[in-house]
Amino acid sequence: MGKSTLFKVITKQEILIANYPFATIDPNVGVVPVPDERLAKLTEISKSKKTVPAVVEFYDIAGLVKGANEGAGLGNQFLSHIRECKAIVHVVRCFKDGDIIHIEGKTDPLRDIEIIELELALKDLDTVKKRIGKFESEIKAGDKHALENKRVLTEVEEKLQSGKLIQEYADLLIMKEIQLLMSKKQLFLLNGSREDVPPEVFSKIKELGGDYIISDLALAENIDELIKKAYEILDLISFFTTGEDETRAWTIQRGAKAPEAAGTIHTDFEHKFIRAETVSYENLVASGGWSQAKQKGKLRLEGKEYVVQDGDVMVIRHG
C-alpha cells in the first residue's frame, strides 16, 4: 500500500492511484475523525442523540525526488503544499516488491529519508538566506527587531547546514511568518514489517528528532494508530462536553487555559468566560454520570488560569 492508497483508506475518498511517479499533482485533502473510545462511553452515560469526534486534516501530495528544491519533479509546487501544513507524515517504503516502481530504482528507506530531509533543508536554506538579506537592509535603517530576527535566522541557518531539525524555533514569530519546512513535527510511517526496516533507519529518525510507526498499511488497526499519532505529534488534546443532545470532543493545543478551550465552543465564550465546571473522564465514568460525580465531590470549579487536561469533561459558564 502506497501513500495515496493510505490516504484513500484513511479518508474514504476516491482518488487517483497509479503505479507511476507524480500521479498526485494537486493535493488531495481529507478531514478524518480521531478514534477515541471515550466518546462512546460518554454517549452511553448521557444517552446522547449525537456523537461528534475530534478531527485531523490530512493532505496527500506527490512524493518528492532528488532536486525538488530546485524544481525537479514539480518540486517547488509540492514543497509549497507542505509549507501550509503543521506536521509532515513521511510514508517511507520499506517493503520490497519488484512490481511497484521506485523512482530511484530499488528500495532503500535510509536513502529515501536522507533525500527528503536534504530537499526540505535546502529549500529552507534558500528561504532563510533571502530573508537574512532583507534584514540586513532593515538593520541599516535602524530596525532593532530586524537585528534580533537576523540573529535567530543565522542560528537556524547553521542548524540547517548540519542537517538538523529546527523545531525548537517553531514558536517564534519570525518562524511562523516564513513557515520553514524543517521546523515542522515529523512522523515517519515505515511501510512494511519490522524485518524490512534496517537498524540505521531508526538511528536516523532519532537523530532527526522525529517519531515513527512501523505499519503494515493493509491492517485497519494501524490506520487508527496513525491518526492518533498524528494528533499527538501536533501536540493536540481533547476535552469533552456531554449531554442528552450531544457528546462532542473539542480539540485544543496542549497547555491551553480554560477560556481558550471555551473559545473553541464559541468565540464569545472566551471573552465572557466566568468558570468551567470540570470533572475528569475517569471520575465521571467511575461515578456513573455528571450528577453522581457532583454528589461524590469529583466536580471542580476551575477559573481563567486553569490549564485544561486531556479527557476533561466540562460545562462552560459565561456572561
C-alpha atoms as a PDB file:
ATOM      1  CA  MET A   1       0.000   0.000   0.000  1.00  0.00           C
ATOM      2  CA  GLY A   2       1.410   3.403  -1.016  1.00  0.00           C
ATOM      3  CA  LYS A   3       0.730   6.870   0.374  1.00  0.00           C
ATOM      4  CA  SER A   4      -2.253   7.631  -1.896  1.00  0.00           C
ATOM      5  CA  THR A   5      -3.817   4.255  -1.116  1.00  0.00           C
ATOM      6  CA  LEU A   6      -3.221   5.041   2.554  1.00  0.00           C
ATOM      7  CA  PHE A   7      -4.948   8.405   2.101  1.00  0.00           C
ATOM      8  CA  LYS A   8      -7.908   6.686   0.421  1.00  0.00           C
ATOM      9  CA  VAL A   9      -8.256   4.214   3.304  1.00  0.00           C
ATOM     10  CA  ILE A  10      -7.986   6.922   5.983  1.00  0.00           C
ATOM     11  CA  THR A  11     -10.373   9.407   4.374  1.00  0.00           C
ATOM     12  CA  LYS A  12     -12.654   7.001   2.468  1.00  0.00           C
ATOM     13  CA  GLN A  13     -12.266   9.217  -0.598  1.00  0.00           C
ATOM     14  CA  GLU A  14     -11.991   8.074  -4.212  1.00  0.00           C
ATOM     15  CA  ILE A  15      -8.714   9.433  -5.585  1.00  0.00           C
ATOM     16  CA  LEU A  16      -6.355   8.600  -8.431  1.00  0.00           C
ATOM     17  CA  ILE A  17      -3.954   5.796  -7.509  1.00  0.00           C
ATOM     18  CA  ALA A  18      -1.350   4.848 -10.108  1.00  0.00           C
ATOM     19  CA  ASN A  19       1.887   2.888 -10.287  1.00  0.00           C
ATOM     20  CA  TYR A  20       3.997   5.772 -11.608  1.00  0.00           C
ATOM     21  CA  PRO A  21       5.624   8.916 -10.138  1.00  0.00           C
ATOM     22  CA  PHE A  22       3.701  12.216  -9.756  1.00  0.00           C
ATOM     23  CA  ALA A  23       0.203  10.735 -10.147  1.00  0.00           C
ATOM     24  CA  THR A  24      -0.812  13.207  -7.420  1.00  0.00           C
ATOM     25  CA  ILE A  25      -0.473  16.708  -8.897  1.00  0.00           C
ATOM     26  CA  ASP A  26      -2.928  18.743  -6.813  1.00  0.00           C
ATOM     27  CA  PRO A  27      -3.069  17.732  -3.133  1.00  0.00           C
ATOM     28  CA  ASN A  28      -5.930  15.515  -2.002  1.00  0.00           C
ATOM     29  CA  VAL A  29      -7.487  16.829   1.225  1.00  0.00           C
ATOM     30  CA  GLY A  30      -9.463  14.826   3.762  1.00  0.00           C
ATOM     31  CA  VAL A  31     -10.910  15.514   7.218  1.00  0.00           C
ATOM     32  CA  VAL A  32     -10.503  12.405   9.381  1.00  0.00           C
ATOM     33  CA  PRO A  33     -12.167  11.629  12.734  1.00  0.00           C
ATOM     34  CA  VAL A  34      -9.758  10.875  15.587  1.00  0.00           C
ATOM     35  CA  PRO A  35     -10.534   7.432  17.082  1.00  0.00           C
ATOM     36  CA  ASP A  36     -11.408   7.881  20.775  1.00  0.00           C
ATOM     37  CA  GLU A  37     -13.162   5.120  22.704  1.00  0.00           C
ATOM     38  CA  ARG A  38     -14.051   7.634  25.458  1.00  0.00           C
ATOM     39  CA  LEU A  39     -16.693   9.247  23.228  1.00  0.00           C
ATOM     40  CA  ALA A  40     -18.789   6.084  23.023  1.00  0.00           C
ATOM     41  CA  LYS A  41     -18.766   5.692  26.806  1.00  0.00           C
ATOM     42  CA  LEU A  42     -19.797   9.305  27.416  1.00  0.00           C
ATOM     43  CA  THR A  43     -22.543   8.979  24.799  1.00  0.00           C
ATOM     44  CA  GLU A  44     -23.815   5.881  26.591  1.00  0.00           C
ATOM     45  CA  ILE A  45     -23.798   7.534  30.019  1.00  0.00           C
ATOM     46  CA  SER A  46     -25.515  10.715  28.790  1.00  0.00           C
ATOM     47  CA  LYS A  47     -27.804   8.873  26.344  1.00  0.00           C
ATOM     48  CA  SER A  48     -26.742  11.453  23.751  1.00  0.00           C
ATOM     49  CA  LYS A  49     -28.612  11.720  20.454  1.00  0.00           C
ATOM     50  CA  LYS A  50     -25.437  12.638  18.577  1.00  0.00           C
ATOM     51  CA  THR A  51     -21.699  11.964  18.896  1.00  0.00           C
ATOM     52  CA  VAL A  52     -19.121  14.299  17.310  1.00  0.00           C
ATOM     53  CA  PRO A  53     -15.421  13.272  17.293  1.00  0.00           C
ATOM     54  CA  ALA A  54     -12.324  15.434  17.062  1.00  0.00           C
ATOM     55  CA  VAL A  55     -10.811  15.588  13.562  1.00  0.00           C
ATOM     56  CA  VAL A  56      -7.432  15.902  11.834  1.00  0.00           C
ATOM     57  CA  GLU A  57      -6.996  17.210   8.295  1.00  0.00           C
ATOM     58  CA  PHE A  58      -4.684  15.175   6.030  1.00  0.00           C
ATOM     59  CA  TYR A  59      -3.145  16.317   2.741  1.00  0.00           C
ATOM     60  CA  ASP A  60      -1.841  13.812   0.200  1.00  0.00           C
ATOM     61  CA  ILE A  61       0.848  15.307  -2.041  1.00  0.00           C
ATOM     62  CA  ALA A  62       3.144  13.736  -4.600  1.00  0.00           C
ATOM     63  CA  GLY A  63       6.384  12.186  -3.407  1.00  0.00           C
ATOM     64  CA  LEU A  64       9.462  14.395  -3.533  1.00  0.00           C
ATOM     65  CA  VAL A  65      12.542  13.466  -5.577  1.00  0.00           C
ATOM     66  CA  LYS A  66      16.195  14.462  -5.584  1.00  0.00           C
ATOM     67  CA  GLY A  67      16.478  18.063  -6.781  1.00  0.00           C
ATOM     68  CA  ALA A  68      12.958  19.018  -5.666  1.00  0.00           C
ATOM     69  CA  ASN A  69      14.264  22.215  -4.025  1.00  0.00           C
ATOM     70  CA  GLU A  70      15.338  23.383  -7.483  1.00  0.00           C
ATOM     71  CA  GLY A  71      12.055  22.354  -9.087  1.00  0.00           C
ATOM     72  CA  ALA A  72      12.734  18.741 -10.118  1.00  0.00           C
ATOM     73  CA  GLY A  73       9.540  16.696 -10.341  1.00  0.00           C
ATOM     74  CA  LEU A  74       7.454  19.864  -9.860  1.00  0.00           C
ATOM     75  CA  GLY A  75       9.226  20.081  -6.508  1.00  0.00           C
ATOM     76  CA  ASN A  76       8.626  23.763  -5.813  1.00  0.00           C
ATOM     77  CA  GLN A  77       4.883  23.276  -6.199  1.00  0.00           C
ATOM     78  CA  PHE A  78       4.851  20.262  -3.868  1.00  0.00           C
ATOM     79  CA  LEU A  79       7.089  21.932  -1.278  1.00  0.00           C
ATOM     80  CA  SER A  80       4.684  24.881  -1.127  1.00  0.00           C
ATOM     81  CA  HIS A  81       1.886  22.441  -0.242  1.00  0.00           C
ATOM     82  CA  ILE A  82       3.976  21.096   2.658  1.00  0.00           C
ATOM     83  CA  ARG A  83       4.627  24.640   3.893  1.00  0.00           C
ATOM     84  CA  GLU A  84       0.914  25.078   4.607  1.00  0.00           C
ATOM     85  CA  CYS A  85       0.760  22.006   6.899  1.00  0.00           C
ATOM     86  CA  LYS A  86       1.548  21.866  10.622  1.00  0.00           C
ATOM     87  CA  ALA A  87       3.253  18.459  10.583  1.00  0.00           C
ATOM     88  CA  ILE A  88       4.708  16.099   7.991  1.00  0.00           C
ATOM     89  CA  VAL A  89       3.980  12.376   7.721  1.00  0.00           C
ATOM     90  CA  HIS A  90       6.624  10.631   5.607  1.00  0.00           C
ATOM     91  CA  VAL A  91       5.357   7.392   4.092  1.00  0.00           C
ATOM     92  CA  VAL A  92       8.671   5.563   3.699  1.00  0.00           C
ATOM     93  CA  ARG A  93       8.650   2.437   1.561  1.00  0.00           C
ATOM     94  CA  CYS A  94      10.433  -0.399   3.335  1.00  0.00           C
ATOM     95  CA  PHE A  95       8.786  -3.435   1.735  1.00  0.00           C
ATOM     96  CA  LYS A  96      10.360  -4.961  -1.358  1.00  0.00           C
ATOM     97  CA  ASP A  97       8.133  -5.527  -4.389  1.00  0.00           C
ATOM     98  CA  GLY A  98       9.574  -5.550  -7.894  1.00  0.00           C
ATOM     99  CA  ASP A  99       6.153  -4.910  -9.446  1.00  0.00           C
ATOM    100  CA  ILE A 100       5.846  -1.493  -7.803  1.00  0.00           C
ATOM    101  CA  ILE A 101       8.006   1.191  -9.389  1.00  0.00           C
ATOM    102  CA  HIS A 102      10.573   3.036  -7.266  1.00  0.00           C
ATOM    103  CA  ILE A 103      11.861   6.225  -8.850  1.00  0.00           C
ATOM    104  CA  GLU A 104      15.421   5.556  -7.572  1.00  0.00           C
ATOM    105  CA  GLY A 105      15.427   2.022  -8.998  1.00  0.00           C
ATOM    106  CA  LYS A 106      15.468  -0.029  -5.796  1.00  0.00           C
ATOM    107  CA  THR A 107      14.079   0.101  -2.259  1.00  0.00           C
ATOM    108  CA  ASP A 108      16.360   1.832   0.261  1.00  0.00           C
ATOM    109  CA  PRO A 109      14.446   3.554   3.101  1.00  0.00           C
ATOM    110  CA  LEU A 110      17.519   5.252   4.599  1.00  0.00           C
ATOM    111  CA  ARG A 111      18.438   6.795   1.249  1.00  0.00           C
ATOM    112  CA  ASP A 112      14.839   7.944   0.740  1.00  0.00           C
ATOM    113  CA  ILE A 113      14.688   9.614   4.165  1.00  0.00           C
ATOM    114  CA  GLU A 114      18.001  11.358   3.553  1.00  0.00           C
ATOM    115  CA  ILE A 115      16.842  12.617   0.139  1.00  0.00           C
ATOM    116  CA  ILE A 116      13.643  14.107   1.581  1.00  0.00           C
ATOM    117  CA  GLU A 117      15.388  15.709   4.560  1.00  0.00           C
ATOM    118  CA  LEU A 118      18.065  17.198   2.300  1.00  0.00           C
ATOM    119  CA  GLU A 119      15.465  18.650  -0.068  1.00  0.00           C
ATOM    120  CA  LEU A 120      13.494  20.189   2.808  1.00  0.00           C
ATOM    121  CA  ALA A 121      16.680  21.632   4.350  1.00  0.00           C
ATOM    122  CA  LEU A 122      17.939  23.061   1.042  1.00  0.00           C
ATOM    123  CA  LYS A 123      14.605  24.750   0.377  1.00  0.00           C
ATOM    124  CA  ASP A 124      14.657  26.214   3.903  1.00  0.00           C
ATOM    125  CA  LEU A 125      18.230  27.424   3.486  1.00  0.00           C
ATOM    126  CA  ASP A 126      17.225  29.282   0.334  1.00  0.00           C
ATOM    127  CA  THR A 127      14.317  30.907   2.211  1.00  0.00           C
ATOM    128  CA  VAL A 128      16.495  31.818   5.222  1.00  0.00           C
ATOM    129  CA  LYS A 129      19.295  33.345   3.142  1.00  0.00           C
ATOM    130  CA  LYS A 130      16.853  35.535   1.235  1.00  0.00           C
ATOM    131  CA  ARG A 131      15.194  36.703   4.455  1.00  0.00           C
ATOM    132  CA  ILE A 132      18.561  37.458   6.137  1.00  0.00           C
ATOM    133  CA  GLY A 133      19.431  39.613   3.129  1.00  0.00           C
ATOM    134  CA  LYS A 134      16.253  41.654   3.645  1.00  0.00           C
ATOM    135  CA  PHE A 135      17.003  42.053   7.348  1.00  0.00           C
ATOM    136  CA  GLU A 136      20.471  43.435   6.619  1.00  0.00           C
ATOM    137  CA  SER A 137      18.986  46.392   4.756  1.00  0.00           C
ATOM    138  CA  GLU A 138      16.393  46.896   7.531  1.00  0.00           C
ATOM    139  CA  ILE A 139      19.173  46.849  10.169  1.00  0.00           C
ATOM    140  CA  LYS A 140      20.955  49.640   8.317  1.00  0.00           C
ATOM    141  CA  ALA A 141      17.706  51.603   8.559  1.00  0.00           C
ATOM    142  CA  GLY A 142      17.806  51.191  12.360  1.00  0.00           C
ATOM    143  CA  ASP A 143      15.209  48.393  12.814  1.00  0.00           C
ATOM    144  CA  LYS A 144      16.020  46.667  16.153  1.00  0.00           C
ATOM    145  CA  HIS A 145      13.571  43.820  15.503  1.00  0.00           C
ATOM    146  CA  ALA A 146      15.402  43.049  12.271  1.00  0.00           C
ATOM    147  CA  LEU A 147      18.665  42.695  14.237  1.00  0.00           C
ATOM    148  CA  GLU A 148      17.146  40.068  16.561  1.00  0.00           C
ATOM    149  CA  ASN A 149      15.443  38.253  13.684  1.00  0.00           C
ATOM    150  CA  LYS A 150      18.729  38.109  11.785  1.00  0.00           C
ATOM    151  CA  ARG A 151      20.428  36.606  14.867  1.00  0.00           C
ATOM    152  CA  VAL A 152      17.747  33.905  15.117  1.00  0.00           C
ATOM    153  CA  LEU A 153      17.835  33.064  11.418  1.00  0.00           C
ATOM    154  CA  THR A 154      21.636  32.889  11.464  1.00  0.00           C
ATOM    155  CA  GLU A 155      21.376  30.204  14.173  1.00  0.00           C
ATOM    156  CA  VAL A 156      18.702  28.434  12.138  1.00  0.00           C
ATOM    157  CA  GLU A 157      20.920  28.563   9.051  1.00  0.00           C
ATOM    158  CA  GLU A 158      23.765  26.856  10.938  1.00  0.00           C
ATOM    159  CA  LYS A 159      21.439  24.072  12.133  1.00  0.00           C
ATOM    160  CA  LEU A 160      20.052  23.507   8.661  1.00  0.00           C
ATOM    161  CA  GLN A 161      23.545  23.271   7.215  1.00  0.00           C
ATOM    162  CA  SER A 162      24.287  20.476   9.695  1.00  0.00           C
ATOM    163  CA  GLY A 163      21.098  18.614   8.680  1.00  0.00           C
ATOM    164  CA  LYS A 164      19.179  19.119  11.929  1.00  0.00           C
ATOM    165  CA  LEU A 165      15.505  19.780  12.575  1.00  0.00           C
ATOM    166  CA  ILE A 166      14.742  23.251  13.925  1.00  0.00           C
ATOM    167  CA  GLN A 167      11.570  22.571  15.876  1.00  0.00           C
ATOM    168  CA  GLU A 168      12.800  24.444  18.967  1.00  0.00           C
ATOM    169  CA  TYR A 169      12.412  27.688  16.994  1.00  0.00           C
ATOM    170  CA  ALA A 170       8.906  26.892  15.693  1.00  0.00           C
ATOM    171  CA  ASP A 171       7.007  29.141  18.126  1.00  0.00           C
ATOM    172  CA  LEU A 172       8.970  32.293  17.310  1.00  0.00           C
ATOM    173  CA  LEU A 173       7.037  34.922  15.367  1.00  0.00           C
ATOM    174  CA  ILE A 174       9.551  35.102  12.526  1.00  0.00           C
ATOM    175  CA  MET A 175       9.421  31.313  12.112  1.00  0.00           C
ATOM    176  CA  LYS A 176       5.631  31.316  11.954  1.00  0.00           C
ATOM    177  CA  GLU A 177       5.885  34.002   9.311  1.00  0.00           C
ATOM    178  CA  ILE A 178       8.275  32.145   6.984  1.00  0.00           C
ATOM    179  CA  GLN A 179       6.964  28.606   7.761  1.00  0.00           C
ATOM    180  CA  LEU A 180      10.187  26.661   7.389  1.00  0.00           C
ATOM    181  CA  LEU A 181       9.714  23.006   6.466  1.00  0.00           C
ATOM    182  CA  MET A 182      12.308  21.609   8.888  1.00  0.00           C
ATOM    183  CA  SER A 183      10.612  23.358  11.816  1.00  0.00           C
ATOM    184  CA  LYS A 184       7.550  21.118  11.478  1.00  0.00           C
ATOM    185  CA  LYS A 185       6.947  17.975  13.543  1.00  0.00           C
ATOM    186  CA  GLN A 186       7.793  14.857  11.548  1.00  0.00           C
ATOM    187  CA  LEU A 187       6.289  11.379  11.723  1.00  0.00           C
ATOM    188  CA  PHE A 188       7.814   8.555   9.704  1.00  0.00           C
ATOM    189  CA  LEU A 189       5.395   5.829   8.662  1.00  0.00           C
ATOM    190  CA  LEU A 190       7.687   2.911   7.844  1.00  0.00           C
ATOM    191  CA  ASN A 191       5.637   0.965   5.328  1.00  0.00           C
ATOM    192  CA  GLY A 192       6.432  -2.717   5.832  1.00  0.00           C
ATOM    193  CA  SER A 193       7.269  -5.154   8.588  1.00  0.00           C
ATOM    194  CA  ARG A 194       9.940  -4.619  11.264  1.00  0.00           C
ATOM    195  CA  GLU A 195      12.183  -7.077   9.374  1.00  0.00           C
ATOM    196  CA  ASP A 196      12.038  -4.770   6.331  1.00  0.00           C
ATOM    197  CA  VAL A 197      13.464  -1.792   8.273  1.00  0.00           C
ATOM    198  CA  PRO A 198      17.284  -1.544   8.506  1.00  0.00           C
ATOM    199  CA  PRO A 199      18.578  -0.592  12.012  1.00  0.00           C
ATOM    200  CA  GLU A 200      20.217   2.565  10.664  1.00  0.00           C
ATOM    201  CA  VAL A 201      16.766   3.930   9.763  1.00  0.00           C
ATOM    202  CA  PHE A 202      15.814   4.029  13.459  1.00  0.00           C
ATOM    203  CA  SER A 203      19.103   5.782  14.255  1.00  0.00           C
ATOM    204  CA  LYS A 204      18.448   8.372  11.553  1.00  0.00           C
ATOM    205  CA  ILE A 205      14.923   9.135  12.793  1.00  0.00           C
ATOM    206  CA  LYS A 206      16.239   9.510  16.356  1.00  0.00           C
ATOM    207  CA  GLU A 207      18.965  11.849  15.106  1.00  0.00           C
ATOM    208  CA  LEU A 208      16.317  13.958  13.362  1.00  0.00           C
ATOM    209  CA  GLY A 209      14.174  14.119  16.491  1.00  0.00           C
ATOM    210  CA  GLY A 210      11.212  12.572  14.673  1.00  0.00           C
ATOM    211  CA  ASP A 211       8.792   9.819  15.659  1.00  0.00           C
ATOM    212  CA  TYR A 212       7.821   6.680  13.747  1.00  0.00           C
ATOM    213  CA  ILE A 213       5.267   3.921  13.269  1.00  0.00           C
ATOM    214  CA  ILE A 214       6.093   0.585  11.688  1.00  0.00           C
ATOM    215  CA  SER A 215       2.958  -0.320   9.847  1.00  0.00           C
ATOM    216  CA  ASP A 216       1.519  -2.924   7.566  1.00  0.00           C
ATOM    217  CA  LEU A 217      -0.868  -0.449   5.992  1.00  0.00           C
ATOM    218  CA  ALA A 218      -3.243  -3.209   4.963  1.00  0.00           C
ATOM    219  CA  LEU A 219      -4.334  -3.563   8.611  1.00  0.00           C
ATOM    220  CA  ALA A 220      -7.161  -1.283   9.781  1.00  0.00           C
ATOM    221  CA  GLU A 221      -5.841  -1.014  13.354  1.00  0.00           C
ATOM    222  CA  ASN A 222      -2.645   0.542  12.019  1.00  0.00           C
ATOM    223  CA  ILE A 223      -4.705   3.287  10.380  1.00  0.00           C
ATOM    224  CA  ASP A 224      -6.201   4.216  13.775  1.00  0.00           C
ATOM    225  CA  GLU A 225      -2.701   4.245  15.272  1.00  0.00           C
ATOM    226  CA  LEU A 226      -1.512   6.638  12.565  1.00  0.00           C
ATOM    227  CA  ILE A 227      -4.423   9.058  13.109  1.00  0.00           C
ATOM    228  CA  LYS A 228      -3.893   9.063  16.887  1.00  0.00           C
ATOM    229  CA  LYS A 229      -0.143   9.567  16.468  1.00  0.00           C
ATOM    230  CA  ALA A 230      -0.726  12.491  14.074  1.00  0.00           C
ATOM    231  CA  TYR A 231      -2.967  14.111  16.710  1.00  0.00           C
ATOM    232  CA  GLU A 232      -0.259  13.511  19.315  1.00  0.00           C
ATOM    233  CA  ILE A 233       2.671  14.967  17.367  1.00  0.00           C
ATOM    234  CA  LEU A 234       0.606  18.088  16.676  1.00  0.00           C
ATOM    235  CA  ASP A 235       0.516  18.419  20.490  1.00  0.00           C
ATOM    236  CA  LEU A 236      -3.273  18.360  20.499  1.00  0.00           C
ATOM    237  CA  ILE A 237      -5.568  17.075  23.233  1.00  0.00           C
ATOM    238  CA  SER A 238      -9.339  16.634  23.558  1.00  0.00           C
ATOM    239  CA  PHE A 239     -11.779  17.827  26.170  1.00  0.00           C
ATOM    240  CA  PHE A 240     -15.437  16.829  26.124  1.00  0.00           C
ATOM    241  CA  THR A 241     -18.908  18.245  26.503  1.00  0.00           C
ATOM    242  CA  THR A 242     -21.708  15.758  27.011  1.00  0.00           C
ATOM    243  CA  GLY A 243     -25.477  15.784  27.460  1.00  0.00           C
ATOM    244  CA  GLU A 244     -28.701  14.397  26.043  1.00  0.00           C
ATOM    245  CA  ASP A 245     -28.394  16.331  22.777  1.00  0.00           C
ATOM    246  CA  GLU A 246     -24.728  15.688  22.028  1.00  0.00           C
ATOM    247  CA  THR A 247     -21.409  14.296  23.195  1.00  0.00           C
ATOM    248  CA  ARG A 248     -18.518  16.069  21.472  1.00  0.00           C
ATOM    249  CA  ALA A 249     -14.712  16.033  21.545  1.00  0.00           C
ATOM    250  CA  TRP A 250     -13.173  19.502  21.223  1.00  0.00           C
ATOM    251  CA  THR A 251      -9.604  19.972  20.029  1.00  0.00           C
ATOM    252  CA  ILE A 252      -7.177  22.329  21.782  1.00  0.00           C
ATOM    253  CA  GLN A 253      -3.422  22.769  21.947  1.00  0.00           C
ATOM    254  CA  ARG A 254      -1.813  21.105  24.947  1.00  0.00           C
ATOM    255  CA  GLY A 255      -1.300  23.763  27.623  1.00  0.00           C
ATOM    256  CA  ALA A 256      -4.377  25.814  26.676  1.00  0.00           C
ATOM    257  CA  LYS A 257      -6.210  27.508  29.536  1.00  0.00           C
ATOM    258  CA  ALA A 258      -9.934  27.231  30.224  1.00  0.00           C
ATOM    259  CA  PRO A 259     -11.028  30.470  28.446  1.00  0.00           C
ATOM    260  CA  GLU A 260      -9.202  29.419  25.272  1.00  0.00           C
ATOM    261  CA  ALA A 261     -10.877  26.000  25.437  1.00  0.00           C
ATOM    262  CA  ALA A 262     -14.231  27.739  25.886  1.00  0.00           C
ATOM    263  CA  GLY A 263     -13.478  29.767  22.767  1.00  0.00           C
ATOM    264  CA  THR A 264     -13.348  26.605  20.648  1.00  0.00           C
ATOM    265  CA  ILE A 265     -17.002  26.014  21.515  1.00  0.00           C
ATOM    266  CA  HIS A 266     -17.998  29.595  20.677  1.00  0.00           C
ATOM    267  CA  THR A 267     -15.744  32.619  20.185  1.00  0.00           C
ATOM    268  CA  ASP A 268     -17.825  34.727  22.603  1.00  0.00           C
ATOM    269  CA  PHE A 269     -17.266  32.207  25.395  1.00  0.00           C
ATOM    270  CA  GLU A 270     -13.558  33.049  25.620  1.00  0.00           C
ATOM    271  CA  HIS A 271     -14.149  36.751  26.313  1.00  0.00           C
ATOM    272  CA  LYS A 272     -17.199  36.182  28.518  1.00  0.00           C
ATOM    273  CA  PHE A 273     -15.753  33.205  30.412  1.00  0.00           C
ATOM    274  CA  ILE A 274     -16.639  33.014  34.115  1.00  0.00           C
ATOM    275  CA  ARG A 275     -15.709  29.475  35.156  1.00  0.00           C
ATOM    276  CA  ALA A 276     -15.653  25.865  33.965  1.00  0.00           C
ATOM    277  CA  GLU A 277     -17.382  23.086  35.854  1.00  0.00           C
ATOM    278  CA  THR A 278     -14.950  20.257  35.314  1.00  0.00           C
ATOM    279  CA  VAL A 279     -14.618  16.539  36.034  1.00  0.00           C
ATOM    280  CA  SER A 280     -12.081  14.114  34.589  1.00  0.00           C
ATOM    281  CA  TYR A 281     -13.343  11.444  32.188  1.00  0.00           C
ATOM    282  CA  GLU A 282     -12.176   8.720  34.574  1.00  0.00           C
ATOM    283  CA  ASN A 283     -14.050  10.203  37.550  1.00  0.00           C
ATOM    284  CA  LEU A 284     -17.190  10.781  35.505  1.00  0.00           C
ATOM    285  CA  VAL A 285     -17.268   7.181  34.266  1.00  0.00           C
ATOM    286  CA  ALA A 286     -16.416   5.760  37.698  1.00  0.00           C
ATOM    287  CA  SER A 287     -19.225   7.831  39.254  1.00  0.00           C
ATOM    288  CA  GLY A 288     -21.762   6.818  36.609  1.00  0.00           C
ATOM    289  CA  GLY A 289     -22.693  10.298  35.411  1.00  0.00           C
ATOM    290  CA  TRP A 290     -22.437  14.053  35.919  1.00  0.00           C
ATOM    291  CA  SER A 291     -24.868  14.314  38.858  1.00  0.00           C
ATOM    292  CA  GLN A 292     -23.256  11.373  40.647  1.00  0.00           C
ATOM    293  CA  ALA A 293     -19.768  12.853  40.149  1.00  0.00           C
ATOM    294  CA  LYS A 294     -21.001  16.125  41.660  1.00  0.00           C
ATOM    295  CA  GLN A 295     -22.501  14.289  44.663  1.00  0.00           C
ATOM    296  CA  LYS A 296     -19.209  12.457  45.254  1.00  0.00           C
ATOM    297  CA  GLY A 297     -17.221  15.705  45.244  1.00  0.00           C
ATOM    298  CA  LYS A 298     -15.450  14.947  41.953  1.00  0.00           C
ATOM    299  CA  LEU A 299     -16.699  18.110  40.252  1.00  0.00           C
ATOM    300  CA  ARG A 300     -14.313  21.081  40.311  1.00  0.00           C
ATOM    301  CA  LEU A 301     -14.888  24.764  39.608  1.00  0.00           C
ATOM    302  CA  GLU A 302     -11.962  25.989  37.509  1.00  0.00           C
ATOM    303  CA  GLY A 303     -11.125  29.600  36.709  1.00  0.00           C
ATOM    304  CA  LYS A 304      -9.312  31.516  33.989  1.00  0.00           C
ATOM    305  CA  GLU A 305      -5.839  30.216  34.861  1.00  0.00           C
ATOM    306  CA  TYR A 306      -6.775  26.541  34.776  1.00  0.00           C
ATOM    307  CA  VAL A 307      -4.784  24.508  32.215  1.00  0.00           C
ATOM    308  CA  VAL A 308      -7.197  22.071  30.595  1.00  0.00           C
ATOM    309  CA  GLN A 309      -6.191  18.408  30.752  1.00  0.00           C
ATOM    310  CA  ASP A 310      -6.794  15.723  28.140  1.00  0.00           C
ATOM    311  CA  GLY A 311     -10.091  13.997  28.940  1.00  0.00           C
ATOM    312  CA  ASP A 312     -11.626  16.819  30.985  1.00  0.00           C
ATOM    313  CA  VAL A 313     -15.427  16.884  30.725  1.00  0.00           C
ATOM    314  CA  MET A 314     -16.569  20.487  31.028  1.00  0.00           C
ATOM    315  CA  VAL A 315     -19.583  22.781  31.318  1.00  0.00           C
ATOM    316  CA  ILE A 316     -18.597  26.361  30.473  1.00  0.00           C
ATOM    317  CA  ARG A 317     -20.253  29.175  32.418  1.00  0.00           C
ATOM    318  CA  HIS A 318     -20.100  32.564  30.699  1.00  0.00           C
ATOM    319  CA  GLY A 319     -21.591  36.009  30.933  1.00  0.00           C
END
